[in-house]
Amino acid sequence: MLETIIKELIDSKREGEYWDFKVKHHDNNADLLHDLLCLANSLYQGKRYLIFGVNDPAKGANIVGLEAAEAGRKSQANYIDFVRNQHFAGSIRPEIELVTLVLDGKEIDVLVIFDNLYKPYWLTQDYQDRGRKVRAHHVYTRVGDTNTPLGMSADLLRIEKMWRQRLGLDMLPVERMKHLLGQPEEWFKDLGNKRYAYHQNFPDYRIKFSAPKPFWEPYSYFFTNKNSFLGTATFKLNATTLFELQYVYLDEMRLMLPAPEVEYVELPVRELRYYYYDASTAEGRFLVFLTEGRGRMESRGSTSPFLVFKHERERQEFNQFLVANAARFEEAEPGYAARHAAKLMQKEGNNATISPLDIGKVVVLYKAWRQGNTLS
């Protein structure tokens, strides 16, 4: 996926609004910060890319590659620390990820800058490195293949468009509803008592909750009380239905969450399923809404066995981790909640294609993966 995108950008033999080529990693951190700000504030809707190991289009935009021990080559931790240490307005920073690819037998690095709805980004203090200065209270952006010069700021029309994107004013209704779900404090809601909610600043955006009905899934048994309920949330703009999602009450209506998705993984010797949320989807935004932005999925000391991923690519990376560590998965010791759920299901004669013990083992490997423990 990413490899195909980057290869196509290199093959275009030009730079553009959301991608920039560099022969190597920056020698000057002010230039690095400037490039990051310009791409992060681009009006392009989608991910942006700083591609290291490719020379300038004037020289052919050829893949020259990077050496493992090359001076100045940075890791993801280096970039994250660098961004974290800058004085961004409101402490709102671009989200980044460094990915190493091998193209034509040569290593290149791609710094992915995610298209979050927080632009414009700007600094509250000047940043200077060896005569190059990124100025405070200046909004930098990228137009075509050109960055706003260090000593200037983007024109007012482009800054206005950034704010319109940030506030969701130019979105289609479905996308705007997803955006508004990320503002749980701005909604009127009394979950459990009232079967409706509406955004207080934009009351035409509403949610209608159906009456929940009893149901069970293996995850129901992970809680102190296994009684659970399933309902439907209808997301509306005035009388128009934008989309519908299921929600669940767990621990006898003490915890309300979106119904999780089910992922299927083919291990070398058998199949595996687990429950998850993708934070980039409507379900992920609904999770933010229902948990008041905290993402907590606990009730009376019991935690939901649901995994959370930033996006599909992250989920695929975890799946690859599972396959690579299939033997360790089988050896993993599930937690008490998973063992208790399995015994209770067996006692009640309830069978399911998703095993509580497998869910517990997946959680063990997920925690190791998050902590950067490769296991294999």
Protein backbone atom coordinates (compact mmCIF):
# COMPACT_ATOMS: atom_id res chain seq x y z
CA MET A 1 0.00 0.00 0.00
CA LEU A 2 2.44 2.68 1.19
CA GLU A 3 5.15 1.23 -1.03
CA THR A 4 2.90 1.55 -4.08
CA ILE A 5 2.00 5.15 -3.22
CA ILE A 6 5.63 6.19 -2.74
CA LYS A 7 6.76 4.42 -5.90
CA GLU A 8 4.12 6.28 -7.91
CA LEU A 9 5.20 9.62 -6.41
CA ILE A 10 8.84 8.94 -7.26
CA ASP A 11 7.91 7.81 -10.77
CA SER A 12 6.07 11.12 -11.29
CA LYS A 13 9.53 12.79 -11.32
CA ARG A 14 8.14 15.85 -9.55
CA GLU A 15 7.24 17.13 -6.11
CA GLY A 16 3.77 18.25 -5.12
CA GLU A 17 1.40 19.64 -2.54
CA TYR A 18 1.69 16.65 -0.21
CA TRP A 19 5.10 15.15 -0.91
CA ASP A 20 8.70 16.33 -0.89
CA PHE A 21 11.97 14.54 -1.78
CA LYS A 22 15.18 14.76 0.25
CA VAL A 23 18.49 13.13 -0.64
CA LYS A 24 19.14 12.56 3.08
CA HIS A 25 17.75 13.46 6.48
CA HIS A 26 18.01 17.13 7.43
CA ASP A 27 21.30 18.53 8.72
CA ASN A 28 19.52 21.60 10.07
CA ASN A 29 16.60 21.09 12.46
CA ALA A 30 15.06 24.45 11.62
CA ASP A 31 14.72 23.29 8.02
CA LEU A 32 13.23 20.02 9.25
CA LEU A 33 10.66 21.84 11.37
CA HIS A 34 9.84 24.17 8.49
CA ASP A 35 9.22 21.25 6.11
CA LEU A 36 7.07 19.51 8.72
CA LEU A 37 4.93 22.59 9.29
CA CYS A 38 4.49 23.27 5.59
CA LEU A 39 3.31 19.72 4.86
CA ALA A 40 1.17 19.48 8.00
CA ASN A 41 -0.62 22.73 7.02
CA SER A 42 -1.15 21.74 3.39
CA LEU A 43 -4.78 22.05 2.31
CA TYR A 44 -4.51 18.63 0.67
CA GLN A 45 -6.87 16.16 2.34
CA GLY A 46 -4.86 13.00 2.95
CA LYS A 47 -1.50 11.86 4.29
CA ARG A 48 1.63 13.82 3.42
CA TYR A 49 5.12 12.42 2.86
CA LEU A 50 8.72 13.54 3.39
CA ILE A 51 10.69 11.01 1.33
CA PHE A 52 14.37 10.59 2.21
CA GLY A 53 16.80 8.88 -0.17
CA VAL A 54 15.51 10.41 -3.41
CA ASN A 55 17.29 13.27 -5.14
CA ASP A 56 15.75 16.48 -6.47
CA PRO A 57 13.46 16.31 -9.53
CA ALA A 58 15.92 18.63 -11.29
CA LYS A 59 18.41 15.77 -10.99
CA GLY A 60 15.92 13.12 -12.06
CA ALA A 61 14.13 12.24 -8.81
CA ASN A 62 16.19 9.05 -8.66
CA ILE A 63 16.29 6.64 -5.74
CA VAL A 64 19.77 7.04 -4.26
CA GLY A 65 19.03 5.24 -0.99
CA LEU A 66 20.25 5.66 2.57
CA GLU A 67 23.01 3.90 4.46
CA ALA A 68 22.13 2.29 7.79
CA ALA A 69 24.85 4.21 9.62
CA GLU A 70 24.50 7.39 7.60
CA ALA A 71 25.28 10.53 9.60
CA GLY A 72 22.13 12.42 10.52
CA ARG A 73 19.75 9.54 9.78
CA LYS A 74 16.98 9.72 12.37
CA SER A 75 14.72 7.11 13.92
CA GLN A 76 11.01 7.43 14.62
CA ALA A 77 11.84 8.07 18.29
CA ASN A 78 14.12 10.94 17.22
CA TYR A 79 11.35 12.55 15.20
CA ILE A 80 8.69 12.09 17.86
CA ASP A 81 10.95 13.58 20.54
CA PHE A 82 11.80 16.49 18.25
CA VAL A 83 8.15 17.30 17.58
CA ARG A 84 7.22 16.84 21.24
CA ASN A 85 9.84 19.36 22.34
CA GLN A 86 8.59 22.19 20.13
CA HIS A 87 6.35 24.98 21.42
CA PHE A 88 3.22 24.39 19.34
CA ALA A 89 0.19 26.60 19.92
CA GLY A 90 -2.26 24.86 22.23
CA SER A 91 0.21 21.95 22.52
CA ILE A 92 -1.40 20.55 19.38
CA ARG A 93 1.25 18.79 17.31
CA PRO A 94 1.29 17.00 13.96
CA GLU A 95 1.06 13.20 14.18
CA ILE A 96 3.94 11.50 12.39
CA GLU A 97 5.27 8.03 11.64
CA LEU A 98 8.60 6.99 10.10
CA VAL A 99 8.55 4.00 7.74
CA THR A 100 11.56 2.41 6.04
CA LEU A 101 10.99 0.91 2.58
CA VAL A 102 13.22 -0.95 0.16
CA LEU A 103 12.76 0.19 -3.45
CA ASP A 104 14.98 -0.99 -6.29
CA GLY A 105 17.15 -2.70 -3.71
CA LYS A 106 17.81 0.53 -1.80
CA GLU A 107 16.55 1.70 1.59
CA ILE A 108 14.56 4.92 1.79
CA ASP A 109 12.78 6.51 4.76
CA VAL A 110 9.31 8.00 4.54
CA LEU A 111 8.10 10.38 7.23
CA VAL A 112 4.31 10.15 7.10
CA ILE A 113 2.44 13.22 8.37
CA PHE A 114 -1.17 12.36 9.11
CA ASP A 115 -4.04 14.56 7.98
CA ASN A 116 -5.63 15.35 11.33
CA LEU A 117 -8.18 18.12 11.64
CA TYR A 118 -6.02 20.37 13.80
CA LYS A 119 -4.42 22.71 11.31
CA PRO A 120 -3.25 25.38 11.26
CA TYR A 121 -0.22 24.36 13.33
CA TRP A 122 2.14 27.14 14.43
CA LEU A 123 4.80 27.85 17.04
CA THR A 124 4.52 30.17 20.03
CA GLN A 125 8.31 30.59 20.29
CA ASP A 126 10.94 31.03 17.59
CA TYR A 127 13.04 27.99 16.76
CA GLN A 128 16.54 28.64 15.46
CA ASP A 129 19.37 26.37 14.32
CA ARG A 130 22.61 27.65 12.75
CA GLY A 131 21.24 30.79 11.22
CA ARG A 132 17.89 29.34 10.10
CA LYS A 133 14.82 30.51 12.03
CA VAL A 134 11.25 29.21 12.12
CA ARG A 135 9.25 32.16 13.37
CA ALA A 136 6.65 32.11 16.13
CA HIS A 137 3.05 32.99 15.20
CA HIS A 138 3.76 32.39 11.50
CA VAL A 139 1.59 29.89 9.63
CA TYR A 140 3.61 28.02 7.02
CA THR A 141 2.05 25.88 4.31
CA ARG A 142 2.81 24.28 0.95
CA VAL A 143 1.33 25.38 -2.37
CA GLY A 144 2.07 23.06 -5.25
CA ASP A 145 5.72 22.08 -4.76
CA THR A 146 6.68 25.28 -2.92
CA ASN A 147 6.90 25.96 0.83
CA THR A 148 6.05 29.29 2.43
CA PRO A 149 9.43 31.06 2.92
CA LEU A 150 10.80 31.08 6.47
CA GLY A 151 10.38 34.83 6.85
CA MET A 152 6.80 34.92 5.60
CA SER A 153 3.38 33.57 6.55
CA ALA A 154 0.69 31.93 4.40
CA ASP A 155 -1.86 34.27 2.85
CA LEU A 156 -5.07 34.90 4.81
CA LEU A 157 -7.31 33.02 2.37
CA ARG A 158 -5.35 29.80 2.87
CA ILE A 159 -5.30 30.25 6.64
CA GLU A 160 -9.07 30.76 6.56
CA LYS A 161 -9.44 27.49 4.61
CA MET A 162 -7.30 25.71 7.22
CA TRP A 163 -9.64 26.89 9.96
CA ARG A 164 -12.68 25.83 7.95
CA GLN A 165 -11.17 22.35 7.67
CA ARG A 166 -10.37 22.33 11.39
CA LEU A 167 -13.95 23.28 12.29
CA GLY A 168 -15.43 20.85 9.76
CA LEU A 169 -17.30 23.59 7.91
CA ASP A 170 -16.43 22.27 4.44
CA MET A 171 -17.17 18.61 5.15
CA LEU A 172 -19.95 16.51 3.71
CA PRO A 173 -22.60 15.73 6.36
CA VAL A 174 -21.39 12.16 7.04
CA GLU A 175 -17.81 13.29 7.56
CA ARG A 176 -18.92 16.23 9.67
CA MET A 177 -20.92 13.94 11.92
CA LYS A 178 -17.80 11.82 12.46
CA HIS A 179 -15.85 14.98 13.20
CA LEU A 180 -18.43 16.19 15.74
CA LEU A 181 -18.37 12.83 17.51
CA GLY A 182 -14.79 13.67 18.41
CA GLN A 183 -16.13 16.54 20.56
CA PRO A 184 -18.06 14.59 23.24
CA GLU A 185 -18.06 17.55 25.63
CA GLU A 186 -20.02 19.61 23.08
CA TRP A 187 -23.02 17.26 23.01
CA PHE A 188 -26.15 17.21 25.10
CA LYS A 189 -26.56 13.61 26.19
CA ASP A 190 -27.84 11.60 29.14
CA LEU A 191 -26.84 8.10 28.14
CA GLY A 192 -28.92 5.40 29.76
CA ASN A 193 -31.76 7.78 30.58
CA LYS A 194 -32.55 9.54 27.30
CA ARG A 195 -32.58 7.89 23.89
CA TYR A 196 -31.31 10.92 22.01
CA ALA A 197 -28.34 13.27 21.92
CA TYR A 198 -27.56 16.38 19.92
CA HIS A 199 -24.59 18.65 19.34
CA GLN A 200 -25.15 21.84 21.29
CA ASN A 201 -23.51 24.13 18.71
CA PHE A 202 -24.98 22.33 15.70
CA PRO A 203 -28.25 20.83 17.01
CA ASP A 204 -29.31 19.62 13.57
CA TYR A 205 -26.79 16.80 14.14
CA ARG A 206 -28.51 14.27 16.35
CA ILE A 207 -28.25 10.66 17.53
CA LYS A 208 -31.24 8.43 18.22
CA PHE A 209 -30.75 5.30 20.34
CA SER A 210 -33.06 2.32 19.96
CA ALA A 211 -34.24 0.34 22.96
CA PRO A 212 -31.50 -2.24 23.69
CA LYS A 213 -32.32 -5.95 23.70
CA PRO A 214 -30.56 -8.77 25.57
CA PHE A 215 -27.83 -10.60 23.67
CA TRP A 216 -24.48 -12.19 24.41
CA GLU A 217 -21.03 -12.48 22.91
CA PRO A 218 -17.96 -14.15 24.41
CA TYR A 219 -16.80 -10.75 25.64
CA SER A 220 -19.99 -10.46 27.74
CA TYR A 221 -18.48 -13.02 30.11
CA PHE A 222 -15.39 -10.91 30.79
CA PHE A 223 -17.38 -8.74 33.20
CA THR A 224 -18.65 -9.17 36.76
CA ASN A 225 -22.19 -9.45 35.40
CA LYS A 226 -22.47 -11.24 32.06
CA ASN A 227 -25.82 -9.66 31.15
CA SER A 228 -25.37 -7.52 28.05
CA PHE A 229 -27.63 -5.68 25.64
CA LEU A 230 -27.48 -4.65 21.99
CA GLY A 231 -29.02 -1.58 20.37
CA THR A 232 -28.80 0.62 17.29
CA ALA A 233 -27.65 4.25 17.17
CA THR A 234 -29.00 6.26 14.24
CA PHE A 235 -26.96 9.32 13.28
CA LYS A 236 -29.10 12.01 11.70
CA LEU A 237 -28.93 15.45 10.13
CA ASN A 238 -32.40 16.80 10.74
CA ALA A 239 -34.69 14.08 9.31
CA THR A 240 -31.99 12.50 7.13
CA THR A 241 -30.28 9.35 8.37
CA LEU A 242 -26.54 9.60 7.72
CA PHE A 243 -25.55 6.14 9.01
CA GLU A 244 -26.31 3.59 11.72
CA LEU A 245 -24.05 1.78 14.18
CA GLN A 246 -24.69 -0.83 16.81
CA TYR A 247 -23.90 -0.21 20.45
CA VAL A 248 -23.63 -2.57 23.42
CA TYR A 249 -24.29 -2.32 27.13
CA LEU A 250 -21.96 -4.52 29.19
CA ASP A 251 -21.85 -5.52 32.86
CA GLU A 252 -25.65 -5.19 33.08
CA MET A 253 -25.77 -1.72 31.50
CA ARG A 254 -22.88 -0.25 33.50
CA LEU A 255 -20.68 0.24 30.42
CA MET A 256 -21.81 1.51 27.00
CA LEU A 257 -19.56 1.05 23.95
CA PRO A 258 -19.85 0.73 20.18
CA ALA A 259 -20.23 -2.89 19.08
CA PRO A 260 -16.66 -3.92 18.19
CA GLU A 261 -15.54 -5.21 14.81
CA VAL A 262 -14.28 -8.78 14.40
CA GLU A 263 -10.91 -9.45 12.74
CA TYR A 264 -9.95 -12.78 11.17
CA VAL A 265 -6.31 -13.92 11.10
CA GLU A 266 -4.98 -17.09 9.45
CA LEU A 267 -2.23 -18.52 11.65
CA PRO A 268 0.04 -21.28 10.29
CA VAL A 269 -1.97 -24.06 11.95
CA ARG A 270 -5.41 -22.56 12.60
CA GLU A 271 -7.76 -19.61 12.35
CA LEU A 272 -8.02 -16.82 14.92
CA ARG A 273 -10.54 -14.06 15.58
CA TYR A 274 -10.47 -11.08 17.89
CA TYR A 275 -12.45 -7.91 18.61
CA TYR A 276 -11.18 -4.42 17.77
CA TYR A 277 -11.91 -0.76 17.02
CA ASP A 278 -10.34 1.31 14.23
CA ALA A 279 -9.99 4.86 15.53
CA SER A 280 -10.14 6.29 11.99
CA THR A 281 -13.65 4.93 11.30
CA ALA A 282 -17.12 5.97 12.41
CA GLU A 283 -17.00 3.24 15.09
CA GLY A 284 -13.75 4.71 16.36
CA ARG A 285 -15.25 8.19 16.59
CA PHE A 286 -18.31 6.73 18.32
CA LEU A 287 -15.93 5.19 20.88
CA VAL A 288 -14.53 8.67 21.58
CA PHE A 289 -18.09 9.95 22.02
CA LEU A 290 -19.24 7.19 24.37
CA THR A 291 -16.10 7.24 26.53
CA GLU A 292 -15.95 11.05 26.79
CA GLY A 293 -12.69 11.09 24.87
CA ARG A 294 -10.85 9.00 27.46
CA GLY A 295 -11.10 5.67 25.67
CA ARG A 296 -11.72 3.85 28.96
CA MET A 297 -13.45 0.50 28.53
CA GLU A 298 -13.61 -0.65 32.16
CA SER A 299 -16.38 -1.50 34.59
CA ARG A 300 -15.94 -2.50 38.22
CA GLY A 301 -12.36 -3.58 37.69
CA SER A 302 -13.05 -5.55 34.50
CA THR A 303 -11.63 -4.35 31.18
CA SER A 304 -13.07 -4.96 27.73
CA PRO A 305 -10.88 -7.31 25.66
CA PHE A 306 -11.11 -4.98 22.65
CA LEU A 307 -8.01 -3.82 20.79
CA VAL A 308 -7.75 -0.27 19.46
CA PHE A 309 -5.81 0.65 16.31
CA LYS A 310 -5.16 4.08 14.85
CA HIS A 311 -5.94 2.92 11.33
CA GLU A 312 -6.13 -0.12 9.07
CA ARG A 313 -2.40 -0.16 8.40
CA GLU A 314 -1.65 -0.47 12.09
CA ARG A 315 -4.08 -3.38 12.38
CA GLN A 316 -2.38 -5.15 9.47
CA GLU A 317 1.00 -4.66 11.16
CA PHE A 318 -0.34 -6.27 14.32
CA ASN A 319 -1.74 -9.18 12.30
CA GLN A 320 1.70 -9.73 10.78
CA PHE A 321 3.13 -9.66 14.30
CA LEU A 322 0.61 -12.33 15.36
CA VAL A 323 1.51 -14.60 12.45
CA ALA A 324 5.25 -14.15 13.05
CA ASN A 325 4.75 -15.02 16.73
CA ALA A 326 2.21 -17.83 16.31
CA ALA A 327 4.16 -20.20 18.55
CA ARG A 328 4.37 -17.61 21.33
CA PHE A 329 0.65 -16.96 20.91
CA GLU A 330 -0.13 -20.61 21.65
CA GLU A 331 2.14 -20.48 24.72
CA ALA A 332 0.70 -17.21 26.05
CA GLU A 333 -1.14 -17.34 29.36
CA PRO A 334 -4.54 -15.57 29.15
CA GLY A 335 -5.57 -13.44 32.10
CA TYR A 336 -8.05 -14.28 34.81
CA ALA A 337 -11.02 -12.65 33.01
CA ALA A 338 -10.47 -14.79 29.90
CA ARG A 339 -10.14 -18.01 31.92
CA HIS A 340 -13.23 -17.16 33.97
CA ALA A 341 -15.22 -16.35 30.82
CA ALA A 342 -14.26 -19.68 29.23
CA LYS A 343 -15.34 -21.66 32.31
CA LEU A 344 -18.65 -19.80 32.61
CA MET A 345 -19.46 -20.25 28.92
CA GLN A 346 -18.68 -23.95 29.16
CA LYS A 347 -20.83 -24.29 32.29
CA GLU A 348 -23.79 -22.65 30.54
CA GLY A 349 -23.27 -24.65 27.35
CA ASN A 350 -22.65 -21.60 25.18
CA ASN A 351 -20.30 -22.13 22.23
CA ALA A 352 -18.88 -19.52 19.87
CA THR A 353 -16.37 -19.32 17.03
CA ILE A 354 -14.41 -16.78 19.09
CA SER A 355 -12.74 -18.38 22.09
CA PRO A 356 -12.36 -16.31 25.30
CA LEU A 357 -8.99 -17.98 25.84
CA ASP A 358 -7.84 -16.91 22.38
CA ILE A 359 -9.07 -13.38 23.08
CA GLY A 360 -7.02 -13.35 26.27
CA LYS A 361 -3.92 -14.55 24.42
CA VAL A 362 -4.36 -11.91 21.74
CA VAL A 363 -4.51 -9.24 24.45
CA VAL A 364 -1.20 -10.52 25.86
CA LEU A 365 0.50 -10.23 22.45
CA TYR A 366 -1.14 -6.87 21.77
CA LYS A 367 0.38 -5.45 24.95
CA ALA A 368 3.80 -6.84 23.99
CA TRP A 369 3.45 -5.37 20.50
CA ARG A 370 2.52 -1.96 21.89
CA GLN A 371 5.54 -2.05 24.15
CA GLY A 372 7.80 -2.85 21.20
CA ASN A 373 8.57 -6.39 22.39
CA THR A 374 9.04 -8.34 19.17
CA LEU A 375 9.08 -11.69 21.00
CA SER A 376 10.31 -13.60 17.95
